[in-house]
Each structure stands twice: as C-alpha cells, then as structure tokens.
C-alpha cells in the first residue's frame, strides 16, 4: 500500500513538473513574439524603472524590458542546454552500449576515459573547455555535451550489460540478428526511460551551467540575452534595482523546479520495482 501511494505521488509529481515545464516552454517560445517590447532595444527614458503595469519585471540600466529579455534569454539558455545535453546523451549512449556489447579492451578504454572526465566536477570541466575553445554559444553547447558524455556513457554501459542477459536478447542473438539491430531495437527501448530521466535532470543542470558560464563572461556574449547575461547585468546595479537580479532568479528557479519535478516523476513511474510492487 505504501508503495502504491508512492506511485500515485510520482504521478502527481510528474503532472506538476510537466505543467510547470510546459508553461515555461510556452513562455519562452511564444513570449518573445507577443511581448510589446524588444529584448535588445534601448530606452534611456525608462532606465531602471521598477515593475509596473507597463514593464511587469521592470527595466534594466539601458531601459530594456526585463521580461522580454528573460523570455528571449530563457529561449537561448534552454536551447543551449537541450542541444548540449542531448548531444552528450546521444554520443555517450552510443559509446556506452557499444562498449558493453564488445567488452574487453574497448570497454576498459571507455571506462578509463569516463573516469578521467569524472575526475573533474562538471562545471570545472565546462569552464576549462571554454578557456580552450573560446567564448560563444556553440562552444557552450560543446562544453555541456562533453560534461554529460561520460555520465550517459557509463549509465548506458551499465544498463546494457544488465539487459544483455535477458532472454529476449539471447533469443535475438540465437536468431542471428546483427549486434547493431539488437542494441537499437531490443536493448535501447528497454533502457530509454532511464536515459530520459537523466536527460530531463541534465537539461535543468545544463541551464545552470550555461547561466554560470555566461555570468562569468565566458559563455554567451552581450548584447545577446541569456539568463546568465541578465543575471550578470543585474548584479552590477543590484542596490539600485534589485528587481532585475531577484525576479530573473525567481524565473530561473521556477524553470529548474519544473524540470526537476518532471525528472523525479518520470523516475518514480518508470521504476520497475515500484511497478512490480504495485501489482497489475
């Protein structure tokens, strides 16, 4: 009964996380097209205007509407994080599944490479990559992808090694199916839910990573808006206009909350132990 209640709680968590995520995605995708103000157009008459009926989140030091910049910046930050994490997931999953299937030296070499990358915290690794590659949006995507590649590689390798002993995989091997076909059509569908949970949580942290890099001036460069750029601007005049940094931080927190709840809900609903305990 307790596990059944946990399953129902997971469903509520998933629904709440999905609702918040959809609202945020709708805002960043549609918002920049319907807001009456440009995200980059300066208005020196309305510099550092507090939130009011015209500018809901106020204006910054150049008179730019903060809400418009947050929506446009959220679009850029989400795109960077999603592309980076999904690229790392695709490459890491492919390498991990291949290494698990082949075994031997290839598997040992991949695990050694992952251990080398795991020796550095993800943000430190991304910071190092930005120093090596240089600044810019595309380099941030590469840095995030590299940070998440070993995570998905190790996860896919462990899951694949477990699935290789399942009867339906053994049956496919006895039927003479090619390894690539077995990996794609037999094993991948059975580990996809776990990878999806990791990806949803990873996108949330990827947004934080992009914001941190841009906040330090190593990521997206002004005047292109991103969440990190907006937060960095708001820090400069926080005492005069605290709403820029504070309200932008609230929006970021809500977006991260939705993605984390979505990941937690997916994890609870896809846990085979909970499904088995709940019964038919």
Protein backbone atom coordinates (compact mmCIF):
# COMPACT_ATOMS: atom_id res chain seq x y z
CA UNK A 1 0.00 0.00 0.00
CA UNK A 2 2.82 2.35 0.85
CA UNK A 3 4.49 1.73 -2.50
CA UNK A 4 1.18 2.23 -4.30
CA UNK A 5 0.90 5.63 -2.62
CA UNK A 6 4.44 6.38 -3.75
CA UNK A 7 3.44 5.55 -7.33
CA UNK A 8 0.45 7.91 -7.08
CA UNK A 9 2.71 10.58 -5.60
CA UNK A 10 5.08 10.07 -8.50
CA UNK A 11 2.20 10.62 -10.91
CA UNK A 12 1.30 13.88 -9.18
CA UNK A 13 4.93 14.96 -9.22
CA UNK A 14 5.15 14.16 -12.92
CA UNK A 15 1.95 16.10 -13.65
CA UNK A 16 3.09 19.14 -11.70
CA UNK A 17 6.54 19.08 -13.26
CA UNK A 18 5.08 18.65 -16.74
CA UNK A 19 2.65 21.53 -16.17
CA UNK A 20 5.38 23.90 -14.97
CA UNK A 21 7.72 22.85 -17.79
CA UNK A 22 5.04 23.32 -20.45
CA UNK A 23 4.14 26.77 -19.11
CA UNK A 24 7.81 27.79 -19.12
CA UNK A 25 8.35 26.38 -22.62
CA UNK A 26 5.24 28.17 -23.89
CA UNK A 27 6.51 31.42 -22.37
CA UNK A 28 9.99 31.26 -23.86
CA UNK A 29 8.77 30.04 -27.26
CA UNK A 30 5.79 32.34 -27.73
CA UNK A 31 6.59 35.18 -25.33
CA UNK A 32 9.25 36.94 -27.43
CA UNK A 33 6.77 37.17 -30.31
CA UNK A 34 3.88 38.66 -28.32
CA UNK A 35 5.61 40.98 -25.88
CA UNK A 36 5.30 44.67 -26.90
CA UNK A 37 8.96 45.38 -26.15
CA UNK A 38 12.17 44.30 -27.83
CA UNK A 39 14.71 42.34 -25.82
CA UNK A 40 17.59 44.43 -27.18
CA UNK A 41 16.10 47.86 -27.96
CA UNK A 42 17.33 50.52 -25.52
CA UNK A 43 15.10 53.19 -23.97
CA UNK A 44 17.13 55.69 -21.98
CA UNK A 45 13.98 57.50 -20.83
CA UNK A 46 12.86 54.47 -18.78
CA UNK A 47 16.15 53.40 -17.24
CA UNK A 48 15.85 51.18 -14.13
CA UNK A 49 12.07 51.52 -13.97
CA UNK A 50 10.57 49.40 -11.16
CA UNK A 51 7.99 46.73 -12.06
CA UNK A 52 4.66 48.29 -13.02
CA UNK A 53 1.71 47.72 -15.32
CA UNK A 54 3.79 48.52 -18.40
CA UNK A 55 7.04 46.72 -17.55
CA UNK A 56 6.00 43.74 -15.43
CA UNK A 57 9.57 42.93 -14.35
CA UNK A 58 10.88 46.48 -14.66
CA UNK A 59 13.71 47.68 -16.90
CA UNK A 60 17.48 47.43 -16.75
CA UNK A 61 20.25 50.02 -16.91
CA UNK A 62 19.67 50.52 -20.65
CA UNK A 63 15.90 50.79 -20.36
CA UNK A 64 15.34 47.34 -21.86
CA UNK A 65 12.26 45.44 -20.69
CA UNK A 66 13.43 42.72 -18.28
CA UNK A 67 10.50 40.40 -19.01
CA UNK A 68 11.24 40.47 -22.74
CA UNK A 69 14.92 39.80 -22.05
CA UNK A 70 14.12 36.93 -19.67
CA UNK A 71 11.84 35.27 -22.22
CA UNK A 72 14.38 35.67 -25.03
CA UNK A 73 17.26 34.72 -22.75
CA UNK A 74 15.36 31.68 -21.48
CA UNK A 75 14.87 30.56 -25.06
CA UNK A 76 18.58 30.79 -25.75
CA UNK A 77 19.60 29.17 -22.46
CA UNK A 78 17.15 26.28 -22.89
CA UNK A 79 18.29 25.73 -26.47
CA UNK A 80 21.95 25.66 -25.46
CA UNK A 81 21.27 23.27 -22.58
CA UNK A 82 18.99 20.96 -24.56
CA UNK A 83 21.34 20.71 -27.55
CA UNK A 84 24.37 20.20 -25.31
CA UNK A 85 22.80 17.58 -23.05
CA UNK A 86 21.07 15.66 -25.86
CA UNK A 87 24.29 15.66 -27.91
CA UNK A 88 26.21 14.30 -24.94
CA UNK A 89 23.43 11.77 -24.35
CA UNK A 90 23.42 10.55 -27.95
CA UNK A 91 27.20 10.16 -28.19
CA UNK A 92 27.61 8.81 -24.66
CA UNK A 93 24.78 6.30 -25.03
CA UNK A 94 26.16 5.04 -28.34
CA UNK A 95 29.66 4.62 -26.90
CA UNK A 96 28.40 3.01 -23.70
CA UNK A 97 26.16 0.48 -25.42
CA UNK A 98 28.85 -0.41 -27.95
CA UNK A 99 31.49 -0.84 -25.25
CA UNK A 100 29.22 -3.03 -23.13
CA UNK A 101 28.45 -5.25 -26.10
CA UNK A 102 32.04 -5.56 -27.28
CA UNK A 103 33.61 -5.82 -23.83
CA UNK A 104 37.34 -6.37 -23.43
CA UNK A 105 39.79 -3.56 -24.16
CA UNK A 106 37.19 -1.29 -25.76
CA UNK A 107 35.06 -1.34 -22.63
CA UNK A 108 38.08 -0.80 -20.39
CA UNK A 109 39.28 2.11 -22.54
CA UNK A 110 35.87 3.81 -22.44
CA UNK A 111 35.61 3.42 -18.67
CA UNK A 112 39.11 4.84 -18.25
CA UNK A 113 38.12 7.84 -20.40
CA UNK A 114 34.97 8.34 -18.32
CA UNK A 115 36.95 8.09 -15.07
CA UNK A 116 39.32 10.74 -16.38
CA UNK A 117 36.44 13.13 -17.08
CA UNK A 118 34.76 12.28 -13.78
CA UNK A 119 37.92 13.42 -12.00
CA UNK A 120 36.76 16.99 -12.69
CA UNK A 121 33.46 18.50 -11.49
CA UNK A 122 31.13 19.13 -14.42
CA UNK A 123 31.23 22.91 -14.14
CA UNK A 124 35.02 22.95 -13.80
CA UNK A 125 35.29 20.75 -16.90
CA UNK A 126 32.96 23.08 -18.82
CA UNK A 127 34.96 26.07 -17.58
CA UNK A 128 38.18 24.50 -18.84
CA UNK A 129 36.61 23.78 -22.23
CA UNK A 130 35.51 27.41 -22.57
CA UNK A 131 39.06 28.55 -21.92
CA UNK A 132 40.36 26.12 -24.56
CA UNK A 133 37.65 26.65 -27.20
CA UNK A 134 36.90 30.31 -26.61
CA UNK A 135 33.68 32.15 -25.87
CA UNK A 136 30.37 31.83 -27.69
CA UNK A 137 27.08 29.97 -27.80
CA UNK A 138 28.30 26.98 -29.82
CA UNK A 139 31.28 26.41 -27.55
CA UNK A 140 28.97 26.37 -24.52
CA UNK A 141 26.99 23.59 -26.20
CA UNK A 142 30.20 21.62 -26.78
CA UNK A 143 31.28 22.13 -23.17
CA UNK A 144 27.93 20.91 -21.82
CA UNK A 145 27.96 17.93 -24.19
CA UNK A 146 31.43 16.92 -23.04
CA UNK A 147 30.42 17.26 -19.40
CA UNK A 148 27.45 14.92 -19.88
CA UNK A 149 29.04 12.44 -22.28
CA UNK A 150 30.68 10.30 -19.55
CA UNK A 151 27.50 10.31 -17.45
CA UNK A 152 25.41 8.82 -20.23
CA UNK A 153 28.23 6.55 -21.40
CA UNK A 154 28.59 4.91 -18.01
CA UNK A 155 24.82 4.74 -17.46
CA UNK A 156 24.21 3.17 -20.88
CA UNK A 157 27.07 0.73 -20.42
CA UNK A 158 25.76 -0.48 -17.04
CA UNK A 159 22.17 -0.79 -18.29
CA UNK A 160 23.25 -2.61 -21.45
CA UNK A 161 25.34 -5.11 -19.52
CA UNK A 162 22.28 -5.89 -17.41
CA UNK A 163 19.96 -6.25 -20.41
CA UNK A 164 22.37 -8.50 -22.35
CA UNK A 165 21.44 -11.45 -20.13
CA UNK A 166 17.68 -11.08 -20.66
CA UNK A 167 16.01 -14.00 -22.51
CA UNK A 168 14.70 -11.87 -25.39
CA UNK A 169 18.21 -10.57 -26.10
CA UNK A 170 19.63 -14.08 -26.02
CA UNK A 171 16.85 -15.19 -28.37
CA UNK A 172 17.68 -12.40 -30.81
CA UNK A 173 21.34 -13.47 -30.79
CA UNK A 174 20.41 -17.08 -31.46
CA UNK A 175 18.27 -15.92 -34.39
CA UNK A 176 21.40 -14.40 -35.91
CA UNK A 177 20.41 -10.75 -35.67
CA UNK A 178 23.21 -8.24 -36.07
CA UNK A 179 24.58 -6.60 -32.89
CA UNK A 180 23.56 -3.13 -34.08
CA UNK A 181 19.97 -4.27 -34.60
CA UNK A 182 19.85 -5.93 -31.18
CA UNK A 183 21.20 -2.83 -29.49
CA UNK A 184 18.81 -0.45 -31.26
CA UNK A 185 15.59 -2.49 -31.36
CA UNK A 186 15.89 -4.80 -28.36
CA UNK A 187 18.01 -3.10 -25.69
CA UNK A 188 17.59 0.64 -26.30
CA UNK A 189 13.77 0.68 -25.91
CA UNK A 190 14.14 -1.03 -22.53
CA UNK A 191 16.68 1.45 -21.16
CA UNK A 192 15.28 4.56 -22.84
CA UNK A 193 13.11 5.59 -19.87
CA UNK A 194 16.10 5.67 -17.54
CA UNK A 195 18.09 7.70 -20.05
CA UNK A 196 15.13 10.07 -20.45
CA UNK A 197 15.01 10.70 -16.71
CA UNK A 198 18.72 11.51 -16.71
CA UNK A 199 18.27 13.83 -19.69
CA UNK A 200 15.44 15.81 -18.06
CA UNK A 201 17.51 16.36 -14.93
CA UNK A 202 20.57 17.07 -17.08
CA UNK A 203 18.81 19.83 -19.03
CA UNK A 204 17.97 21.55 -15.76
CA UNK A 205 21.61 21.47 -14.65
CA UNK A 206 22.69 22.44 -18.16
CA UNK A 207 20.71 25.67 -17.80
CA UNK A 208 22.53 26.34 -14.55
CA UNK A 209 25.85 25.59 -16.24
CA UNK A 210 25.13 27.94 -19.14
CA UNK A 211 23.96 30.66 -16.76
CA UNK A 212 27.10 30.25 -14.67
CA UNK A 213 29.43 30.44 -17.66
CA UNK A 214 27.63 33.48 -19.09
CA UNK A 215 27.52 35.08 -15.65
CA UNK A 216 31.32 34.83 -15.54
CA UNK A 217 31.56 36.29 -19.04
CA UNK A 218 32.74 33.03 -20.63
CA UNK A 219 29.53 31.98 -22.36
CA UNK A 220 27.01 33.93 -24.40
CA UNK A 221 28.32 37.42 -25.01
CA UNK A 222 26.27 40.64 -24.75
CA UNK A 223 24.16 42.10 -26.25
CA UNK A 224 22.70 38.62 -26.94
CA UNK A 225 20.43 37.94 -23.98
CA UNK A 226 20.78 34.77 -21.94
CA UNK A 227 19.83 34.09 -18.35
CA UNK A 228 23.45 34.31 -17.24
CA UNK A 229 23.99 37.61 -19.07
CA UNK A 230 20.85 39.10 -17.48
CA UNK A 231 21.92 37.96 -14.01
CA UNK A 232 25.40 39.40 -14.54
CA UNK A 233 23.92 42.74 -15.62
CA UNK A 234 21.60 42.81 -12.62
CA UNK A 235 24.49 42.19 -10.25
CA UNK A 236 26.17 45.42 -11.33
CA UNK A 237 23.35 47.64 -10.05
CA UNK A 238 21.67 45.34 -7.52
CA UNK A 239 21.44 48.01 -4.80
CA UNK A 240 19.71 50.49 -7.11
CA UNK A 241 17.47 48.00 -8.95
CA UNK A 242 17.24 44.68 -7.07
CA UNK A 243 14.29 43.50 -9.16
CA UNK A 244 16.42 42.67 -12.19
CA UNK A 245 18.56 40.07 -10.42
CA UNK A 246 15.87 38.90 -8.00
CA UNK A 247 12.97 38.41 -10.40
CA UNK A 248 15.19 36.83 -13.04
CA UNK A 249 16.45 34.42 -10.40
CA UNK A 250 12.85 33.55 -9.46
CA UNK A 251 12.02 32.74 -13.10
CA UNK A 252 15.12 30.54 -13.37
CA UNK A 253 14.21 28.76 -10.13
CA UNK A 254 10.68 28.02 -11.34
CA UNK A 255 12.01 26.58 -14.61
CA UNK A 256 14.51 24.38 -12.76
CA UNK A 257 11.80 23.26 -10.32
CA UNK A 258 9.60 22.12 -13.19
CA UNK A 259 12.37 20.14 -14.87
CA UNK A 260 13.47 18.51 -11.61
CA UNK A 261 9.90 17.54 -10.70
CA UNK A 262 9.47 16.15 -14.19
CA UNK A 263 12.60 14.04 -13.79
CA UNK A 264 11.56 12.81 -10.34
CA UNK A 265 8.09 11.88 -11.58
CA UNK A 266 9.49 10.00 -14.57
CA UNK A 267 11.91 8.16 -12.31
CA UNK A 268 9.15 7.04 -9.93
CA UNK A 269 6.79 5.92 -12.70
CA UNK A 270 9.46 4.03 -14.65
CA UNK A 271 10.98 2.25 -11.64
CA UNK A 272 10.26 -1.44 -12.33
CA UNK A 273 10.47 -2.29 -8.63
CA UNK A 274 7.60 0.06 -7.84
CA UNK A 275 5.51 -1.20 -10.76
CA UNK A 276 6.04 -4.79 -9.65
CA UNK A 277 5.15 -3.98 -6.04
CA UNK A 278 2.01 -2.12 -7.14
CA UNK A 279 0.75 -5.19 -8.99
CA UNK A 280 -1.41 -5.33 -12.12
